[in-house]
C-alpha atoms as a PDB file:
ATOM      1  CA  MET A   1     -22.968   1.354  13.889  1.00  0.00           C
ATOM      2  CA  GLU A   2     -20.458  -0.709  11.959  1.00  0.00           C
ATOM      3  CA  THR A   3     -21.409  -3.849  10.125  1.00  0.00           C
ATOM      4  CA  ASN A   4     -19.660  -7.208  10.354  1.00  0.00           C
ATOM      5  CA  HIS A   5     -18.216  -6.479   6.889  1.00  0.00           C
ATOM      6  CA  GLU A   6     -16.663  -3.246   8.199  1.00  0.00           C
ATOM      7  CA  ARG A   7     -15.286  -4.964  11.334  1.00  0.00           C
ATOM      8  CA  ILE A   8     -13.575  -7.562   9.156  1.00  0.00           C
ATOM      9  CA  HIS A   9     -11.978  -4.823   7.013  1.00  0.00           C
ATOM     10  CA  ILE A  10     -10.856  -2.941  10.131  1.00  0.00           C
ATOM     11  CA  GLN A  11      -9.209  -6.041  11.565  1.00  0.00           C
ATOM     12  CA  LYS A  12      -7.576  -6.993   8.265  1.00  0.00           C
ATOM     13  CA  LEU A  13      -6.260  -3.456   7.646  1.00  0.00           C
ATOM     14  CA  ILE A  14      -4.691  -3.254  11.098  1.00  0.00           C
ATOM     15  CA  ILE A  15      -3.151  -6.731  10.777  1.00  0.00           C
ATOM     16  CA  ALA A  16      -1.858  -5.938   7.272  1.00  0.00           C
ATOM     17  CA  GLY A  17      -0.383  -2.684   8.585  1.00  0.00           C
ATOM     18  CA  VAL A  18       1.350  -4.262  11.573  1.00  0.00           C
ATOM     19  CA  PHE A  19       2.695  -7.066   9.376  1.00  0.00           C
ATOM     20  CA  LEU A  20       4.034  -4.609   6.785  1.00  0.00           C
ATOM     21  CA  PHE A  21       5.636  -2.615   9.612  1.00  0.00           C
ATOM     22  CA  PHE A  22       7.259  -5.859  10.798  1.00  0.00           C
ATOM     23  CA  LEU A  23       8.485  -6.623   7.264  1.00  0.00           C
ATOM     24  CA  GLY A  24       9.963  -3.118   7.196  1.00  0.00           C
ATOM     25  CA  LEU A  25      11.925  -3.885  10.354  1.00  0.00           C
ATOM     26  CA  LEU A  26      13.306  -7.065   8.781  1.00  0.00           C
ATOM     27  CA  ASN A  27      13.991  -5.144   5.565  1.00  0.00           C
ATOM     28  CA  GLY A  28      16.021  -2.641   7.591  1.00  0.00           C
ATOM     29  CA  MET A  29      18.346  -5.377   8.803  1.00  0.00           C
ATOM     30  CA  MET A  30      18.929  -6.474   5.207  1.00  0.00           C
ATOM     31  CA  ILE A  31      19.915  -3.072   3.776  1.00  0.00           C
ATOM     32  CA  PRO A  32      23.659  -3.836   3.456  1.00  0.00           C
ATOM     33  CA  LEU A  33      22.904  -7.030   1.513  1.00  0.00           C
ATOM     34  CA  PHE A  34      21.041  -5.340  -1.345  1.00  0.00           C
ATOM     35  CA  THR A  35      22.676  -4.654  -4.706  1.00  0.00           C
ATOM     36  CA  ASN A  36      21.557  -1.047  -4.192  1.00  0.00           C
ATOM     37  CA  PRO A  37      21.562  -0.318  -0.439  1.00  0.00           C
ATOM     38  CA  LYS A  38      20.188   3.204  -0.992  1.00  0.00           C
ATOM     39  CA  LEU A  39      17.062   1.743  -2.584  1.00  0.00           C
ATOM     40  CA  GLY A  40      17.004  -0.880   0.176  1.00  0.00           C
ATOM     41  CA  LEU A  41      16.771   1.977   2.677  1.00  0.00           C
ATOM     42  CA  SER A  42      13.905   3.451   0.644  1.00  0.00           C
ATOM     43  CA  ALA A  43      12.120   0.090   0.777  1.00  0.00           C
ATOM     44  CA  HIS A  44      12.646  -0.097   4.548  1.00  0.00           C
ATOM     45  CA  LEU A  45      11.252   3.395   5.143  1.00  0.00           C
ATOM     46  CA  SER A  46       8.401   2.755   2.721  1.00  0.00           C
ATOM     47  CA  ALA A  47       7.303  -0.389   4.570  1.00  0.00           C
ATOM     48  CA  MET A  48       7.438   1.395   7.925  1.00  0.00           C
ATOM     49  CA  GLN A  49       5.384   4.350   6.673  1.00  0.00           C
ATOM     50  CA  HIS A  50       2.950   2.258   4.641  1.00  0.00           C
ATOM     51  CA  GLY A  51       2.335  -0.036   7.593  1.00  0.00           C
ATOM     52  CA  ILE A  52       1.343   2.976   9.665  1.00  0.00           C
ATOM     53  CA  VAL A  53      -0.928   4.196   6.844  1.00  0.00           C
ATOM     54  CA  LEU A  54      -2.771   0.858   6.772  1.00  0.00           C
ATOM     55  CA  ILE A  55      -3.178   0.947  10.563  1.00  0.00           C
ATOM     56  CA  LEU A  56      -4.520   4.506  10.288  1.00  0.00           C
ATOM     57  CA  PHE A  57      -6.969   3.457   7.561  1.00  0.00           C
ATOM     58  CA  GLY A  58      -8.185   0.688   9.877  1.00  0.00           C
ATOM     59  CA  LEU A  59      -8.699   3.171  12.694  1.00  0.00           C
ATOM     60  CA  ILE A  60     -10.813   5.539  10.566  1.00  0.00           C
ATOM     61  CA  TRP A  61     -12.600   2.816   8.572  1.00  0.00           C
ATOM     62  CA  ASN A  62     -15.882   2.945  10.535  1.00  0.00           C
ATOM     63  CA  ARG A  63     -16.164   6.674   9.763  1.00  0.00           C
ATOM     64  CA  LEU A  64     -16.279   6.104   5.993  1.00  0.00           C
ATOM     65  CA  LYS A  65     -19.679   6.523   4.403  1.00  0.00           C
ATOM     66  CA  LEU A  66     -19.281   4.184   1.442  1.00  0.00           C
ATOM     67  CA  SER A  67     -21.257   1.224   0.137  1.00  0.00           C
ATOM     68  CA  GLU A  68     -20.037  -2.263   0.956  1.00  0.00           C
ATOM     69  CA  THR A  69     -18.720  -2.529  -2.609  1.00  0.00           C
ATOM     70  CA  GLY A  70     -16.920   0.812  -2.225  1.00  0.00           C
ATOM     71  CA  LEU A  71     -15.408  -0.288   1.081  1.00  0.00           C
ATOM     72  CA  THR A  72     -14.277  -3.588  -0.435  1.00  0.00           C
ATOM     73  CA  TRP A  73     -12.579  -1.870  -3.383  1.00  0.00           C
ATOM     74  CA  CYS A  74     -11.006   0.729  -1.119  1.00  0.00           C
ATOM     75  CA  TYR A  75      -9.672  -2.011   1.168  1.00  0.00           C
ATOM     76  CA  ARG A  76      -8.232  -4.032  -1.715  1.00  0.00           C
ATOM     77  CA  LEU A  77      -6.644  -1.026  -3.402  1.00  0.00           C
ATOM     78  CA  SER A  78      -5.133   0.183  -0.114  1.00  0.00           C
ATOM     79  CA  VAL A  79      -3.513  -3.132   0.755  1.00  0.00           C
ATOM     80  CA  PHE A  80      -2.388  -3.822  -2.819  1.00  0.00           C
ATOM     81  CA  SER A  81      -0.826  -0.384  -3.156  1.00  0.00           C
ATOM     82  CA  MET A  82       1.076  -0.397   0.135  1.00  0.00           C
ATOM     83  CA  TYR A  83       2.479  -3.890  -0.369  1.00  0.00           C
ATOM     84  CA  GLY A  84       2.969  -3.403  -4.116  1.00  0.00           C
ATOM     85  CA  ILE A  85       5.091  -0.294  -3.732  1.00  0.00           C
ATOM     86  CA  TRP A  86       7.184  -1.984  -1.043  1.00  0.00           C
ATOM     87  CA  ILE A  87       7.662  -5.131  -3.175  1.00  0.00           C
ATOM     88  CA  GLY A  88       8.687  -2.950  -6.135  1.00  0.00           C
ATOM     89  CA  LEU A  89      11.273  -1.153  -4.021  1.00  0.00           C
ATOM     90  CA  VAL A  90      12.639  -4.391  -2.542  1.00  0.00           C
ATOM     91  CA  LEU A  91      12.969  -5.948  -5.996  1.00  0.00           C
ATOM     92  CA  GLY A  92      14.543  -2.751  -7.329  1.00  0.00           C
ATOM     93  CA  ALA A  93      17.069  -2.785  -4.476  1.00  0.00           C
ATOM     94  CA  ALA A  94      17.848  -6.476  -4.966  1.00  0.00           C
ATOM     95  CA  TRP A  95      18.160  -6.241  -8.753  1.00  0.00           C
ATOM     96  CA  GLY A  96      19.746  -2.791  -8.962  1.00  0.00           C
ATOM     97  CA  THR A  97      17.091  -1.257 -11.211  1.00  0.00           C
ATOM     98  CA  ILE A  98      17.112   2.366 -12.308  1.00  0.00           C
ATOM     99  CA  SER A  99      14.093   3.205 -14.517  1.00  0.00           C
ATOM    100  CA  GLY A 100      11.417   3.405 -11.787  1.00  0.00           C
ATOM    101  CA  THR A 101      13.722   5.056  -9.271  1.00  0.00           C
ATOM    102  CA  PRO A 102      16.284   7.101 -11.228  1.00  0.00           C
ATOM    103  CA  MET A 103      17.645   9.087  -8.264  1.00  0.00           C
ATOM    104  CA  ALA A 104      18.080   6.129  -5.898  1.00  0.00           C
ATOM    105  CA  GLY A 105      19.107   3.847  -8.768  1.00  0.00           C
ATOM    106  CA  ALA A 106      21.743   6.126 -10.312  1.00  0.00           C
ATOM    107  CA  GLY A 107      24.749   4.075 -11.386  1.00  0.00           C
ATOM    108  CA  PHE A 108      22.804   0.827 -11.429  1.00  0.00           C
ATOM    109  CA  GLY A 109      20.918  -1.055 -14.111  1.00  0.00           C
ATOM    110  CA  THR A 110      19.633  -4.497 -14.957  1.00  0.00           C
ATOM    111  CA  THR A 111      17.662  -6.331 -17.638  1.00  0.00           C
ATOM    112  CA  GLN A 112      14.631  -4.689 -19.207  1.00  0.00           C
ATOM    113  CA  GLY A 113      12.387  -7.477 -17.883  1.00  0.00           C
ATOM    114  CA  LYS A 114      13.379  -6.762 -14.279  1.00  0.00           C
ATOM    115  CA  GLU A 115      12.972  -3.023 -14.849  1.00  0.00           C
ATOM    116  CA  ASN A 116       9.454  -3.682 -16.192  1.00  0.00           C
ATOM    117  CA  ILE A 117       8.488  -5.776 -13.158  1.00  0.00           C
ATOM    118  CA  VAL A 118       9.634  -3.073 -10.745  1.00  0.00           C
ATOM    119  CA  ASP A 119       7.922  -0.358 -12.811  1.00  0.00           C
ATOM    120  CA  PHE A 120       4.680  -2.365 -12.739  1.00  0.00           C
ATOM    121  CA  PHE A 121       4.648  -2.611  -8.935  1.00  0.00           C
ATOM    122  CA  LEU A 122       5.626   1.018  -8.391  1.00  0.00           C
ATOM    123  CA  ASN A 123       3.237   2.496 -10.960  1.00  0.00           C
ATOM    124  CA  SER A 124       0.230   0.298 -10.232  1.00  0.00           C
ATOM    125  CA  GLY A 125       0.746   0.815  -6.498  1.00  0.00           C
ATOM    126  CA  ALA A 126       0.841   4.585  -6.973  1.00  0.00           C
ATOM    127  CA  VAL A 127      -2.373   4.584  -9.028  1.00  0.00           C
ATOM    128  CA  ALA A 128      -4.097   2.244  -6.549  1.00  0.00           C
ATOM    129  CA  ILE A 129      -3.336   4.426  -3.521  1.00  0.00           C
ATOM    130  CA  LEU A 130      -4.495   7.545  -5.362  1.00  0.00           C
ATOM    131  CA  ILE A 131      -7.848   5.896  -6.100  1.00  0.00           C
ATOM    132  CA  ALA A 132      -8.157   4.536  -2.549  1.00  0.00           C
ATOM    133  CA  THR A 133      -7.337   7.941  -1.058  1.00  0.00           C
ATOM    134  CA  ILE A 134      -9.977   9.625  -3.221  1.00  0.00           C
ATOM    135  CA  GLN A 135     -12.477   7.006  -2.020  1.00  0.00           C
ATOM    136  CA  ILE A 136     -11.489   7.624   1.604  1.00  0.00           C
ATOM    137  CA  LEU A 137     -11.849  11.389   1.208  1.00  0.00           C
ATOM    138  CA  PHE A 138     -15.245  10.906  -0.407  1.00  0.00           C
ATOM    139  CA  GLY A 139     -16.268   8.514   2.377  1.00  0.00           C
ATOM    140  CA  LEU A 140     -15.205  10.961   5.072  1.00  0.00           C
ATOM    141  CA  PHE A 141     -17.082  13.906   3.559  1.00  0.00           C
ATOM    142  CA  ASN A 142     -20.168  12.006   2.381  1.00  0.00           C
ATOM    143  CA  LYS A 143     -23.218  12.775   4.510  1.00  0.00           C
ATOM    144  CA  GLU A 144     -25.541   9.931   3.469  1.00  0.00           C
ATOM    145  CA  LYS A 145     -24.208   6.525   4.420  1.00  0.00           C
ATOM    146  CA  SER A 146     -27.637   4.922   4.437  1.00  0.00           C
ATOM    147  CA  ALA A 147     -28.246   5.938   0.811  1.00  0.00           C
ATOM    148  CA  LEU A 148     -25.047   4.198  -0.230  1.00  0.00           C
ATOM    149  CA  LYS A 149     -25.512   1.020   1.795  1.00  0.00           C
ATOM    150  CA  THR A 150     -26.373  -2.002  -0.255  1.00  0.00           C
ATOM    151  CA  THR A 151     -29.366  -3.847   1.097  1.00  0.00           C
ATOM    152  CA  LYS A 152     -29.488  -7.607   1.169  1.00  0.00           C
ATOM    153  CA  ASN A 153     -32.891  -9.103   0.415  1.00  0.00           C
END
């Protein structure tokens, strides 16, 4: 049986996923306006796919056997990573960066500060989703949810 804490995460994950999917649709209409339209297309596809991933995480959330702290961290890392990667790609497309996306950014370039900002979002988002995915795999295969539950006294 899911707790109120889990129900809140489920609702927030699904809402975050649908909203990111919606942002991806808007992003798709803006592709021709980006400095680098190829990277703008990558941002559009990323938002669409990442929105679906967040919805999927929400749908499997009550099957995870993690502590409330583990669920909270997994939730935060999942949302941060999906939005962070998309924001990095949107900024990269708008600014014409190359360092974080050398294939899509070929022929473009901008200031080192802008490159660093995009690299931060892309790299931290990638690390965050790796950690969250490991947590989800652990939570799916873990047999003892009750042992991990934090008790409130």
